[in-house]
């Protein structure tokens, strides 16, 4: 079985499971649409970061001082929720006074 067949088989199973649950058709539809939108937003953020890095690699270091840094937060999502969703854990800086060079 190819990866494509395997992935589509999983999709079919998940869809059947959702349709046989207590979920409404609208909830299934909304979940599919929201998942696709989330994927689009994620890849747009990745594209923006990659484009910024490429600009810097080509010698335009002014991008280092961009006032609109990459922000993975969704709408008004709290910082802690963004970290959790992105798979990170916040660790506060507990080191003694270390001079900041940059």
Protein backbone atom coordinates (compact mmCIF):
# COMPACT_ATOMS: atom_id res chain seq x y z
CA UNK A 1 0.00 0.00 0.00
CA UNK A 2 1.43 3.38 -0.97
CA UNK A 3 1.63 6.36 1.35
CA UNK A 4 -1.15 8.03 -0.66
CA UNK A 5 -3.43 5.00 -0.35
CA UNK A 6 -2.60 4.72 3.35
CA UNK A 7 -3.38 8.41 3.99
CA UNK A 8 -6.64 8.29 2.06
CA UNK A 9 -7.58 5.08 3.88
CA UNK A 10 -7.06 6.87 7.21
CA UNK A 11 -9.15 9.79 6.00
CA UNK A 12 -11.95 7.43 5.00
CA UNK A 13 -11.85 5.71 8.40
CA UNK A 14 -11.84 9.02 10.29
CA UNK A 15 -14.69 10.34 8.19
CA UNK A 16 -16.74 7.19 8.77
CA UNK A 17 -16.02 7.44 12.50
CA UNK A 18 -17.14 11.08 12.56
CA UNK A 19 -20.29 10.36 10.58
CA UNK A 20 -21.25 7.51 12.93
CA UNK A 21 -20.67 9.61 16.04
CA UNK A 22 -23.00 12.10 17.66
CA UNK A 23 -21.47 14.86 15.51
CA UNK A 24 -23.72 16.73 13.13
CA UNK A 25 -22.90 17.01 9.44
CA UNK A 26 -22.20 20.69 10.00
CA UNK A 27 -19.69 19.90 12.76
CA UNK A 28 -17.88 17.42 10.49
CA UNK A 29 -17.88 19.97 7.67
CA UNK A 30 -16.65 22.80 9.94
CA UNK A 31 -13.86 20.59 11.31
CA UNK A 32 -12.62 19.73 7.82
CA UNK A 33 -12.74 23.38 6.69
CA UNK A 34 -11.03 24.61 9.88
CA UNK A 35 -8.29 22.00 9.52
CA UNK A 36 -7.58 23.08 5.95
CA UNK A 37 -7.57 26.76 6.99
CA UNK A 38 -5.15 26.01 9.86
CA UNK A 39 -2.81 24.24 7.42
CA UNK A 40 -2.93 27.22 5.04
CA UNK A 41 -2.18 29.68 7.87
CA UNK A 42 0.69 27.52 9.13
CA UNK A 43 2.30 27.29 5.71
CA UNK A 44 1.83 31.02 5.09
CA UNK A 45 3.72 31.73 8.34
CA UNK A 46 6.46 29.30 7.28
CA UNK A 47 6.67 30.96 3.86
CA UNK A 48 6.96 34.43 5.43
CA UNK A 49 9.77 33.28 7.75
CA UNK A 50 11.61 31.55 4.89
CA UNK A 51 11.30 34.58 2.65
CA UNK A 52 12.67 36.81 5.40
CA UNK A 53 15.61 34.49 5.93
CA UNK A 54 16.31 34.38 2.19
CA UNK A 55 16.34 38.18 2.04
CA UNK A 56 18.89 38.24 4.88
CA UNK A 57 20.99 35.50 3.27
CA UNK A 58 21.14 37.59 0.10
CA UNK A 59 22.68 40.43 2.10
CA UNK A 60 19.74 42.59 3.16
CA UNK A 61 20.37 42.55 6.89
CA UNK A 62 17.87 45.35 7.48
CA UNK A 63 15.32 42.54 7.71
CA UNK A 64 16.86 41.80 11.12
CA UNK A 65 15.20 44.98 12.36
CA UNK A 66 11.77 44.19 10.95
CA UNK A 67 9.10 45.61 13.23
CA UNK A 68 6.65 42.85 12.28
CA UNK A 69 8.33 39.67 13.56
CA UNK A 70 6.87 36.24 12.93
CA UNK A 71 4.10 35.55 15.38
CA UNK A 72 2.50 32.10 15.43
CA UNK A 73 -0.35 33.23 17.71
CA UNK A 74 -3.87 32.98 16.37
CA UNK A 75 -6.05 36.06 16.89
CA UNK A 76 -6.02 36.90 20.62
CA UNK A 77 -4.65 33.52 21.72
CA UNK A 78 -2.77 33.75 25.04
CA UNK A 79 1.01 33.32 24.91
CA UNK A 80 0.88 30.10 26.97
CA UNK A 81 -1.68 28.55 24.60
CA UNK A 82 0.46 29.40 21.56
CA UNK A 83 3.48 27.75 23.17
CA UNK A 84 1.47 24.64 24.02
CA UNK A 85 -0.04 24.38 20.52
CA UNK A 86 3.37 24.84 18.90
CA UNK A 87 4.87 22.16 21.17
CA UNK A 88 7.01 24.40 23.36
CA UNK A 89 7.25 24.99 27.08
CA UNK A 90 8.04 28.40 28.56
CA UNK A 91 11.18 28.53 30.66
CA UNK A 92 11.77 31.91 32.29
CA UNK A 93 15.30 33.31 32.32
CA UNK A 94 16.67 32.65 35.80
CA UNK A 95 20.33 33.40 35.02
CA UNK A 96 22.14 36.23 36.80
CA UNK A 97 22.61 39.51 34.99
CA UNK A 98 24.00 38.50 31.63
CA UNK A 99 24.76 41.46 29.39
CA UNK A 100 22.70 41.58 26.23
CA UNK A 101 24.97 42.23 23.25
CA UNK A 102 22.36 42.76 20.61
